[in-house]
Amino acid sequence: MTRTATAAAPLTVSTRILDDPGAVLRHTLPDAPLAFVRGGDGIVGIGEALRFEFSGPGRMRDAAAVWRSIVERAVVDDPVQLRGSGLVAFGAFAFADDSAASSVLIVPRVVVGRRRGKAWLTAVDTTVDPAPLAFTRTSVPVPHVGPHLSVAFAPGAIDEDAYAASVAEAVRRITAGAAEKVVLARDLVGTLPPRADRRALLLDLAEAYPQCVTFAVDGLVGATPETLARTDGTRLTARVLAGSAARGTDAVSDRAAAEALAASAKDVSEHAFAIRSLVDALRPLATDLRVDAEPFRLQLPNLWHLASDVQATLPVGTTSLDVADALHPTAAVAGTPTDVAVRLVAELEGVDRGRYAGPVGWLGASGDGEWMLALRSAEIGADGSVRAWAGAGIVGESDPAREVAETALKFRPIRDALA
């Protein structure tokens, strides 16, 4: 673990009511956005008051321990008392234990938030004996955002032919009994134009996919529909997505696509693996587990998904990051059995996923927060390089050509926003 500020540094956190700031995504930095927004509500960060980096199998446990130490020494003045006000940190974690990508926890210098019709501003001061904020309410100008971004994508380390071949090999391994399900992904690469305002990408994603979480943490950006863990006190909720189909071109074909998905033995089986994986991971940690009796069909602009919601009760003192650590990686992003699937992913993809399909989200001083799976996403490097990922769940009945087509559909959020 590395850090840019010591755990003993002073930390004073002050939250104040904010007049209507407009779209909160406009208020983050154009070249280093921090954001977690769904349907216009959420939080964005400006700058870094504290930054911690982690790696290895204990990356999320280490981050949870660091967070507890930060909370213990922080002085928080938060009269707003809404979810996301007060002390918060944004985080993004690598998919694999042996990934070369850094996992990060970032406390912004300033947070702008909106929830349930109220807005707020949080300032984080790391100086010794800071002067108290004199104001109880403030306003901020609405920043100008640069033009829509355009990127020409090309195949990355795994092109369509290589992906189809890896799917065929996964089917062979599954048929031979090595695993029940393996989630394989492929990548596309491109480059942002010079001095690109990355907020334009976030605004486009948020407008096109309002039911998803638009996120940005340390260069990882996307719009994901899948909740890994959301905690509110001792209450845990999660949403599992597995099994998908393209939307129809009209009302009749769209209805037929949704009905075919619900009747697909391949997709229902894939979904069952994902649910079983999540429930098995939760049992040692939570009680009163409740799962939807049947998956429902979740409608997104480009896809139908089979989805199930899970609820459970957590022990007092369990943070959202503790839960994310216990659940990751799920069958929805790795496969079943988990240990075998993770090895097959590494072998058949042959490339480091980085933070794709890892947990991305935020948590507050109480430990409550929300962690999503970093799907429909891309990593943007300091040099403007863009690497987008999309994957599909492979089972014994999978067809390589269909899985290539499914990944093409899942690239659409990023490709369209950067078209």
Protein backbone atom coordinates (compact mmCIF):
# COMPACT_ATOMS: atom_id res chain seq x y z
CA MET A 1 0.00 0.00 0.00
CA THR A 2 1.18 3.50 -0.81
CA ARG A 3 -0.36 6.77 0.22
CA THR A 4 0.01 10.45 -0.54
CA ALA A 5 -1.00 11.54 2.97
CA THR A 6 -0.33 9.89 6.28
CA ALA A 7 -3.10 8.39 8.36
CA ALA A 8 -2.15 10.82 11.15
CA ALA A 9 -2.68 13.97 9.07
CA PRO A 10 -5.35 16.34 10.45
CA LEU A 11 -8.72 16.20 8.72
CA THR A 12 -11.56 18.70 9.16
CA VAL A 13 -14.71 18.14 7.14
CA SER A 14 -17.43 20.80 6.78
CA THR A 15 -20.70 20.42 4.85
CA ARG A 16 -23.05 23.29 4.00
CA ILE A 17 -26.33 23.64 2.11
CA LEU A 18 -25.81 24.59 -1.53
CA ASP A 19 -28.20 26.49 -3.79
CA ASP A 20 -29.19 24.55 -6.91
CA PRO A 21 -25.89 23.70 -8.66
CA GLY A 22 -27.50 22.32 -11.84
CA ALA A 23 -26.11 19.02 -13.09
CA VAL A 24 -23.59 17.93 -10.44
CA LEU A 25 -21.43 16.22 -13.09
CA ARG A 26 -20.49 19.67 -14.40
CA HIS A 27 -18.77 20.52 -11.10
CA THR A 28 -15.99 17.95 -11.13
CA LEU A 29 -12.62 18.56 -12.81
CA PRO A 30 -12.42 18.31 -16.62
CA ASP A 31 -9.15 16.35 -16.59
CA ALA A 32 -9.56 14.33 -13.36
CA PRO A 33 -13.25 13.74 -12.66
CA LEU A 34 -14.57 11.99 -9.56
CA ALA A 35 -18.24 11.07 -9.80
CA PHE A 36 -20.96 8.67 -8.70
CA VAL A 37 -24.33 9.83 -10.06
CA ARG A 38 -27.61 8.08 -10.90
CA GLY A 39 -30.64 9.87 -12.31
CA GLY A 40 -29.15 13.28 -11.49
CA ASP A 41 -28.60 12.43 -7.79
CA GLY A 42 -25.19 11.64 -6.36
CA ILE A 43 -21.82 13.13 -5.55
CA VAL A 44 -18.83 14.48 -7.45
CA GLY A 45 -15.37 15.31 -6.16
CA ILE A 46 -12.87 18.06 -6.88
CA GLY A 47 -9.18 17.48 -6.20
CA GLU A 48 -7.58 15.07 -3.73
CA ALA A 49 -7.21 15.78 -0.02
CA LEU A 50 -6.08 12.20 0.66
CA ARG A 51 -5.13 9.43 -1.72
CA PHE A 52 -4.27 5.83 -0.84
CA GLU A 53 -3.19 3.07 -3.20
CA PHE A 54 -3.47 -0.68 -2.62
CA SER A 55 -2.64 -3.93 -4.36
CA GLY A 56 -2.77 -7.68 -3.88
CA PRO A 57 -5.39 -10.01 -2.41
CA GLY A 58 -5.93 -7.80 0.66
CA ARG A 59 -6.46 -4.55 -1.26
CA MET A 60 -10.06 -4.00 -0.11
CA ARG A 61 -9.42 -5.16 3.45
CA ASP A 62 -6.45 -2.80 3.64
CA ALA A 63 -8.59 0.02 2.29
CA ALA A 64 -11.34 -0.68 4.84
CA ALA A 65 -8.78 -0.56 7.65
CA VAL A 66 -7.34 2.72 6.38
CA TRP A 67 -10.84 4.17 6.12
CA ARG A 68 -11.61 3.30 9.74
CA SER A 69 -8.44 5.11 10.83
CA ILE A 70 -9.38 8.17 8.76
CA VAL A 71 -12.86 8.27 10.26
CA GLU A 72 -11.49 7.99 13.81
CA ARG A 73 -9.36 11.12 13.49
CA ALA A 74 -11.68 13.23 11.32
CA VAL A 75 -13.61 16.17 12.77
CA VAL A 76 -16.88 16.37 10.83
CA ASP A 77 -19.37 19.24 10.83
CA ASP A 78 -22.35 18.02 8.79
CA PRO A 79 -25.71 19.67 9.49
CA VAL A 80 -27.09 18.33 6.17
CA GLN A 81 -27.09 14.66 7.21
CA LEU A 82 -27.96 13.17 3.82
CA ARG A 83 -26.51 10.08 2.20
CA GLY A 84 -23.19 11.23 0.73
CA SER A 85 -22.83 14.40 2.81
CA GLY A 86 -19.98 14.79 5.31
CA LEU A 87 -16.81 12.75 4.96
CA VAL A 88 -16.74 10.51 1.86
CA ALA A 89 -14.18 8.68 -0.24
CA PHE A 90 -14.33 7.43 -3.83
CA GLY A 91 -12.73 4.09 -4.65
CA ALA A 92 -11.87 1.81 -7.56
CA PHE A 93 -10.32 -1.63 -7.18
CA ALA A 94 -8.53 -3.97 -9.58
CA PHE A 95 -10.37 -7.06 -10.76
CA ALA A 96 -7.59 -9.57 -10.09
CA ASP A 97 -5.46 -10.16 -7.00
CA ASP A 98 -2.28 -10.09 -9.11
CA SER A 99 -3.22 -7.11 -11.29
CA ALA A 100 -0.57 -4.50 -11.97
CA ALA A 101 -3.27 -1.82 -11.81
CA SER A 102 -3.40 0.20 -8.62
CA SER A 103 -6.52 0.19 -6.47
CA VAL A 104 -7.34 3.58 -4.98
CA LEU A 105 -9.28 5.29 -2.22
CA ILE A 106 -9.55 9.07 -2.68
CA VAL A 107 -10.94 11.71 -0.30
CA PRO A 108 -11.67 14.79 -2.43
CA ARG A 109 -10.87 18.32 -1.32
CA VAL A 110 -14.39 19.41 -2.26
CA VAL A 111 -17.58 17.42 -2.79
CA VAL A 112 -20.73 18.65 -4.51
CA GLY A 113 -23.78 16.49 -3.89
CA ARG A 114 -27.47 16.31 -4.61
CA ARG A 115 -30.14 14.03 -3.17
CA ARG A 116 -33.90 14.19 -2.71
CA GLY A 117 -34.12 17.77 -4.00
CA LYS A 118 -31.37 19.10 -1.71
CA ALA A 119 -27.80 20.02 -2.63
CA TRP A 120 -24.69 20.48 -0.53
CA LEU A 121 -21.00 21.32 -0.64
CA THR A 122 -18.40 19.60 1.54
CA ALA A 123 -14.92 21.04 2.09
CA VAL A 124 -12.05 18.92 3.42
CA ASP A 125 -9.19 20.72 5.16
CA THR A 126 -5.92 18.96 5.99
CA THR A 127 -4.22 21.94 7.70
CA VAL A 128 -3.67 22.11 11.45
CA ASP A 129 -6.34 24.11 13.35
CA PRO A 130 -8.31 25.34 10.29
CA ALA A 131 -10.63 28.31 10.66
CA PRO A 132 -14.29 27.26 10.81
CA LEU A 133 -16.45 27.98 7.77
CA ALA A 134 -18.23 31.30 8.33
CA PHE A 135 -21.17 30.56 6.04
CA THR A 136 -24.15 28.25 6.55
CA ARG A 137 -25.35 28.32 2.94
CA THR A 138 -23.54 28.99 -0.32
CA SER A 139 -23.87 28.92 -4.07
CA VAL A 140 -21.52 28.03 -6.92
CA PRO A 141 -21.48 29.06 -10.58
CA VAL A 142 -22.41 26.42 -13.16
CA PRO A 143 -19.20 25.60 -15.07
CA HIS A 144 -18.99 25.49 -18.85
CA VAL A 145 -18.29 22.00 -20.22
CA GLY A 146 -16.28 21.43 -23.37
CA PRO A 147 -17.64 19.88 -26.57
CA HIS A 148 -18.68 16.28 -27.14
CA LEU A 149 -15.66 13.97 -27.41
CA SER A 150 -14.93 11.76 -30.40
CA VAL A 151 -12.64 8.72 -30.38
CA ALA A 152 -11.84 6.26 -33.17
CA PHE A 153 -11.67 2.79 -31.60
CA ALA A 154 -9.60 -0.14 -32.84
CA PRO A 155 -9.27 -3.71 -31.56
CA GLY A 156 -7.11 -3.98 -28.45
CA ALA A 157 -5.15 -6.96 -27.18
CA ILE A 158 -8.12 -9.27 -27.85
CA ASP A 159 -9.74 -8.83 -31.26
CA GLU A 160 -12.99 -10.50 -32.36
CA ASP A 161 -11.28 -13.59 -33.79
CA ALA A 162 -9.16 -14.11 -30.69
CA TYR A 163 -12.23 -13.62 -28.52
CA ALA A 164 -14.27 -16.16 -30.48
CA ALA A 165 -11.42 -18.64 -30.15
CA SER A 166 -11.20 -18.11 -26.38
CA VAL A 167 -14.98 -18.60 -26.09
CA ALA A 168 -14.74 -21.87 -28.01
CA GLU A 169 -11.96 -23.04 -25.71
CA ALA A 170 -13.98 -22.04 -22.65
CA VAL A 171 -16.96 -24.05 -23.94
CA ARG A 172 -14.64 -27.03 -24.42
CA ARG A 173 -13.33 -26.72 -20.85
CA ILE A 174 -16.85 -26.34 -19.45
CA THR A 175 -18.12 -29.34 -21.41
CA ALA A 176 -15.20 -31.34 -20.04
CA GLY A 177 -16.28 -30.44 -16.50
CA ALA A 178 -13.55 -27.93 -15.60
CA ALA A 179 -16.09 -25.18 -14.73
CA GLU A 180 -19.76 -24.30 -15.00
CA LYS A 181 -19.41 -20.72 -16.26
CA VAL A 182 -16.56 -18.42 -17.30
CA VAL A 183 -16.91 -14.69 -18.02
CA LEU A 184 -14.60 -13.60 -20.82
CA ALA A 185 -13.98 -10.04 -22.01
CA ARG A 186 -12.30 -8.26 -24.89
CA ASP A 187 -11.02 -4.72 -25.33
CA LEU A 188 -10.99 -1.76 -27.70
CA VAL A 189 -8.43 1.05 -27.69
CA GLY A 190 -8.37 4.66 -28.80
CA THR A 191 -7.07 8.12 -27.86
CA LEU A 192 -8.89 11.21 -26.57
CA PRO A 193 -8.37 14.47 -28.42
CA PRO A 194 -5.90 16.91 -26.78
CA ARG A 195 -7.21 18.85 -23.77
CA ALA A 196 -10.42 16.81 -23.78
CA ASP A 197 -13.04 17.74 -21.19
CA ARG A 198 -13.92 14.34 -19.74
CA ARG A 199 -17.07 15.74 -18.15
CA ALA A 200 -18.60 15.77 -21.64
CA LEU A 201 -18.28 11.98 -21.73
CA LEU A 202 -19.89 11.67 -18.29
CA LEU A 203 -22.79 13.95 -19.23
CA ASP A 204 -23.42 11.95 -22.40
CA LEU A 205 -23.41 8.67 -20.47
CA ALA A 206 -25.73 10.06 -17.79
CA GLU A 207 -28.20 11.36 -20.37
CA ALA A 208 -28.27 8.11 -22.36
CA TYR A 209 -28.34 5.75 -19.33
CA PRO A 210 -30.11 7.57 -16.47
CA GLN A 211 -31.02 4.29 -14.72
CA CYS A 212 -27.33 3.33 -14.52
CA VAL A 213 -24.65 4.82 -12.27
CA THR A 214 -22.34 7.16 -14.16
CA PHE A 215 -18.97 6.94 -12.44
CA ALA A 216 -15.46 8.34 -12.69
CA VAL A 217 -12.62 7.45 -10.35
CA ASP A 218 -8.93 7.90 -11.16
CA GLY A 219 -9.38 7.55 -14.92
CA LEU A 220 -11.94 4.73 -14.73
CA VAL A 221 -15.20 5.95 -16.31
CA GLY A 222 -18.46 4.31 -17.32
CA ALA A 223 -22.19 3.81 -16.82
CA THR A 224 -22.91 0.55 -15.03
CA PRO A 225 -26.25 -1.09 -14.19
CA GLU A 226 -24.98 -3.65 -11.68
CA THR A 227 -24.91 -3.00 -7.92
CA LEU A 228 -22.39 -5.14 -6.07
CA ALA A 229 -23.24 -3.87 -2.57
CA ARG A 230 -25.29 -0.97 -1.21
CA THR A 231 -25.46 -0.57 2.55
CA ASP A 232 -27.66 1.60 4.74
CA GLY A 233 -26.95 0.83 8.39
CA THR A 234 -27.26 -2.93 8.67
CA ARG A 235 -29.37 -3.24 5.51
CA LEU A 236 -27.66 -4.61 2.41
CA THR A 237 -29.03 -4.59 -1.13
CA ALA A 238 -27.45 -5.92 -4.30
CA ARG A 239 -28.55 -6.44 -7.88
CA VAL A 240 -27.36 -9.34 -10.00
CA LEU A 241 -27.37 -9.09 -13.80
CA ALA A 242 -26.57 -12.15 -15.91
CA GLY A 243 -28.13 -13.11 -19.21
CA SER A 244 -28.75 -10.48 -21.88
CA ALA A 245 -30.31 -9.88 -25.27
CA ALA A 246 -30.35 -7.05 -27.80
CA ARG A 247 -33.34 -4.73 -27.79
CA GLY A 248 -35.77 -5.07 -30.70
CA THR A 249 -36.08 -2.51 -33.46
CA ASP A 250 -39.81 -1.91 -32.78
CA ALA A 251 -42.35 -2.65 -30.05
CA VAL A 252 -43.21 -6.11 -31.38
CA SER A 253 -39.65 -7.31 -31.87
CA ASP A 254 -38.61 -5.72 -28.56
CA ARG A 255 -41.30 -7.64 -26.68
CA ALA A 256 -40.28 -10.82 -28.48
CA ALA A 257 -36.62 -10.28 -27.51
CA ALA A 258 -37.55 -9.85 -23.83
CA GLU A 259 -39.73 -12.97 -23.86
CA ALA A 260 -37.06 -15.01 -25.63
CA LEU A 261 -34.49 -13.94 -23.02
CA ALA A 262 -36.74 -15.03 -20.16
CA ALA A 263 -37.26 -18.41 -21.87
CA SER A 264 -33.60 -18.97 -22.82
CA ALA A 265 -32.18 -21.99 -21.00
CA LYS A 266 -28.65 -20.67 -21.57
CA ASP A 267 -29.36 -17.24 -20.07
CA VAL A 268 -31.48 -18.56 -17.18
CA SER A 269 -28.69 -21.00 -16.33
CA GLU A 270 -26.08 -18.23 -16.47
CA HIS A 271 -28.24 -16.09 -14.17
CA ALA A 272 -28.70 -18.95 -11.69
CA PHE A 273 -24.93 -19.36 -11.40
CA ALA A 274 -24.56 -15.65 -10.60
CA ILE A 275 -27.27 -15.71 -7.93
CA ARG A 276 -25.84 -18.82 -6.29
CA SER A 277 -22.37 -17.27 -6.22
CA LEU A 278 -23.60 -14.11 -4.52
CA VAL A 279 -25.72 -15.91 -1.94
CA ASP A 280 -22.91 -18.35 -1.09
CA ALA A 281 -20.51 -15.43 -0.55
CA LEU A 282 -23.02 -13.57 1.65
CA ARG A 283 -24.01 -16.46 3.93
CA PRO A 284 -20.96 -16.24 6.25
CA LEU A 285 -21.44 -12.48 6.58
CA ALA A 286 -25.17 -11.71 6.55
CA THR A 287 -28.50 -12.96 7.85
CA ASP A 288 -32.11 -12.76 6.65
CA LEU A 289 -31.10 -13.30 3.02
CA ARG A 290 -33.91 -12.65 0.55
CA VAL A 291 -33.70 -13.14 -3.23
CA ASP A 292 -36.30 -12.48 -5.89
CA ALA A 293 -38.17 -15.71 -6.61
CA GLU A 294 -37.70 -15.21 -10.35
CA PRO A 295 -35.43 -12.86 -12.31
CA PHE A 296 -37.08 -9.84 -13.86
CA ARG A 297 -36.25 -8.31 -17.22
CA LEU A 298 -34.32 -5.06 -16.83
CA GLN A 299 -34.72 -2.70 -19.77
CA LEU A 300 -31.72 -0.59 -20.81
CA PRO A 301 -31.48 1.50 -23.98
CA ASN A 302 -29.40 -1.14 -25.78
CA LEU A 303 -30.07 -4.40 -23.91
CA TRP A 304 -32.51 -6.53 -21.97
CA HIS A 305 -30.96 -8.12 -18.88
CA LEU A 306 -32.15 -10.84 -16.55
CA ALA A 307 -31.92 -9.22 -13.11
CA SER A 308 -32.52 -10.25 -9.51
CA ASP A 309 -32.45 -8.13 -6.36
CA VAL A 310 -30.94 -9.46 -3.13
CA GLN A 311 -31.48 -8.11 0.39
CA ALA A 312 -29.82 -9.10 3.67
CA THR A 313 -29.03 -7.92 7.21
CA LEU A 314 -25.42 -7.19 8.18
CA PRO A 315 -23.67 -7.24 11.57
CA VAL A 316 -23.30 -3.82 13.19
CA GLY A 317 -20.03 -2.17 12.16
CA THR A 318 -19.78 -3.85 8.76
CA THR A 319 -18.88 -1.31 6.06
CA SER A 320 -19.97 -1.36 2.45
CA LEU A 321 -16.33 -1.97 1.52
CA ASP A 322 -16.22 -5.03 3.80
CA VAL A 323 -19.18 -6.43 1.86
CA ALA A 324 -17.64 -5.61 -1.53
CA ASP A 325 -14.51 -7.48 -0.45
CA ALA A 326 -16.53 -10.53 0.59
CA LEU A 327 -18.52 -10.61 -2.67
CA HIS A 328 -15.87 -9.86 -5.27
CA PRO A 329 -15.46 -11.48 -7.73
CA THR A 330 -19.00 -12.69 -8.34
CA ALA A 331 -20.04 -15.24 -10.95
CA ALA A 332 -21.42 -12.31 -12.96
CA VAL A 333 -17.87 -11.08 -13.72
CA ALA A 334 -15.71 -14.18 -13.19
CA GLY A 335 -17.70 -17.42 -13.37
CA THR A 336 -18.39 -20.59 -11.35
CA PRO A 337 -16.66 -22.05 -9.36
CA THR A 338 -14.99 -18.74 -8.61
CA ASP A 339 -11.40 -19.91 -8.08
CA VAL A 340 -11.40 -22.05 -11.22
CA ALA A 341 -13.11 -19.35 -13.26
CA VAL A 342 -10.63 -16.66 -12.22
CA ARG A 343 -7.74 -18.88 -13.35
CA LEU A 344 -9.46 -19.57 -16.67
CA VAL A 345 -10.12 -15.85 -17.21
CA ALA A 346 -6.42 -15.09 -16.74
CA GLU A 347 -5.38 -17.96 -18.99
CA LEU A 348 -7.86 -17.47 -21.83
CA GLU A 349 -7.81 -13.67 -21.93
CA GLY A 350 -4.05 -13.52 -21.42
CA VAL A 351 -4.10 -9.84 -20.49
CA ASP A 352 -4.53 -7.78 -17.30
CA ARG A 353 -8.11 -6.46 -17.01
CA GLY A 354 -6.98 -3.68 -14.73
CA ARG A 355 -9.98 -2.29 -12.88
CA TYR A 356 -12.56 -3.46 -15.42
CA ALA A 357 -15.24 -5.54 -13.61
CA GLY A 358 -13.79 -4.61 -10.22
CA PRO A 359 -15.68 -2.68 -7.51
CA VAL A 360 -16.08 1.05 -8.05
CA GLY A 361 -18.01 3.36 -5.72
CA TRP A 362 -17.93 5.40 -2.54
CA LEU A 363 -18.36 5.15 1.22
CA GLY A 364 -19.03 7.59 4.03
CA ALA A 365 -17.92 8.02 7.63
CA SER A 366 -20.59 5.59 8.87
CA GLY A 367 -19.29 2.90 6.54
CA ASP A 368 -22.44 3.11 4.43
CA GLY A 369 -21.93 3.45 0.72
CA GLU A 370 -22.49 1.90 -2.67
CA TRP A 371 -20.19 -0.24 -4.79
CA MET A 372 -20.96 -1.08 -8.38
CA LEU A 373 -19.23 -3.42 -10.79
CA ALA A 374 -17.12 -1.40 -13.26
CA LEU A 375 -18.89 -2.60 -16.40
CA ARG A 376 -19.71 -0.64 -19.59
CA SER A 377 -16.50 1.17 -18.78
CA ALA A 378 -13.13 2.39 -20.01
CA GLU A 379 -9.79 3.31 -18.48
CA ILE A 380 -8.44 6.70 -19.55
CA GLY A 381 -4.71 7.15 -19.09
CA ALA A 382 -2.88 10.34 -18.22
CA ASP A 383 -1.77 10.47 -21.87
CA GLY A 384 -5.38 10.34 -23.11
CA SER A 385 -5.26 6.68 -24.10
CA VAL A 386 -8.63 4.93 -23.82
CA ARG A 387 -9.15 1.21 -23.24
CA ALA A 388 -12.74 -0.01 -23.16
CA TRP A 389 -13.84 -3.49 -22.07
CA ALA A 390 -16.93 -5.65 -22.56
CA GLY A 391 -17.57 -9.25 -21.53
CA ALA A 392 -20.07 -12.08 -21.69
CA GLY A 393 -20.85 -15.11 -19.55
CA ILE A 394 -19.85 -18.36 -21.21
CA VAL A 395 -21.64 -21.63 -20.40
CA GLY A 396 -21.77 -25.00 -22.13
CA GLU A 397 -24.41 -23.84 -24.63
CA SER A 398 -22.58 -20.66 -25.65
CA ASP A 399 -21.94 -19.90 -29.31
CA PRO A 400 -18.75 -17.91 -30.08
CA ALA A 401 -20.39 -15.74 -32.75
CA ARG A 402 -23.26 -14.83 -30.43
CA GLU A 403 -20.86 -13.92 -27.62
CA VAL A 404 -18.88 -11.65 -29.97
CA ALA A 405 -22.17 -9.94 -30.86
CA GLU A 406 -23.11 -9.61 -27.18
CA THR A 407 -19.83 -7.87 -26.35
CA ALA A 408 -20.38 -5.52 -29.30
CA LEU A 409 -23.71 -4.51 -27.72
CA LYS A 410 -22.07 -3.98 -24.34
CA PHE A 411 -19.47 -1.67 -25.88
CA ARG A 412 -22.27 0.64 -27.03
CA PRO A 413 -22.48 2.93 -23.97
CA ILE A 414 -18.81 3.92 -24.24
CA ARG A 415 -18.66 3.82 -28.05
CA ASP A 416 -21.80 5.91 -28.46
CA ALA A 417 -20.67 8.46 -25.87
CA LEU A 418 -17.36 8.75 -27.75
CA ALA A 419 -18.78 8.45 -31.28
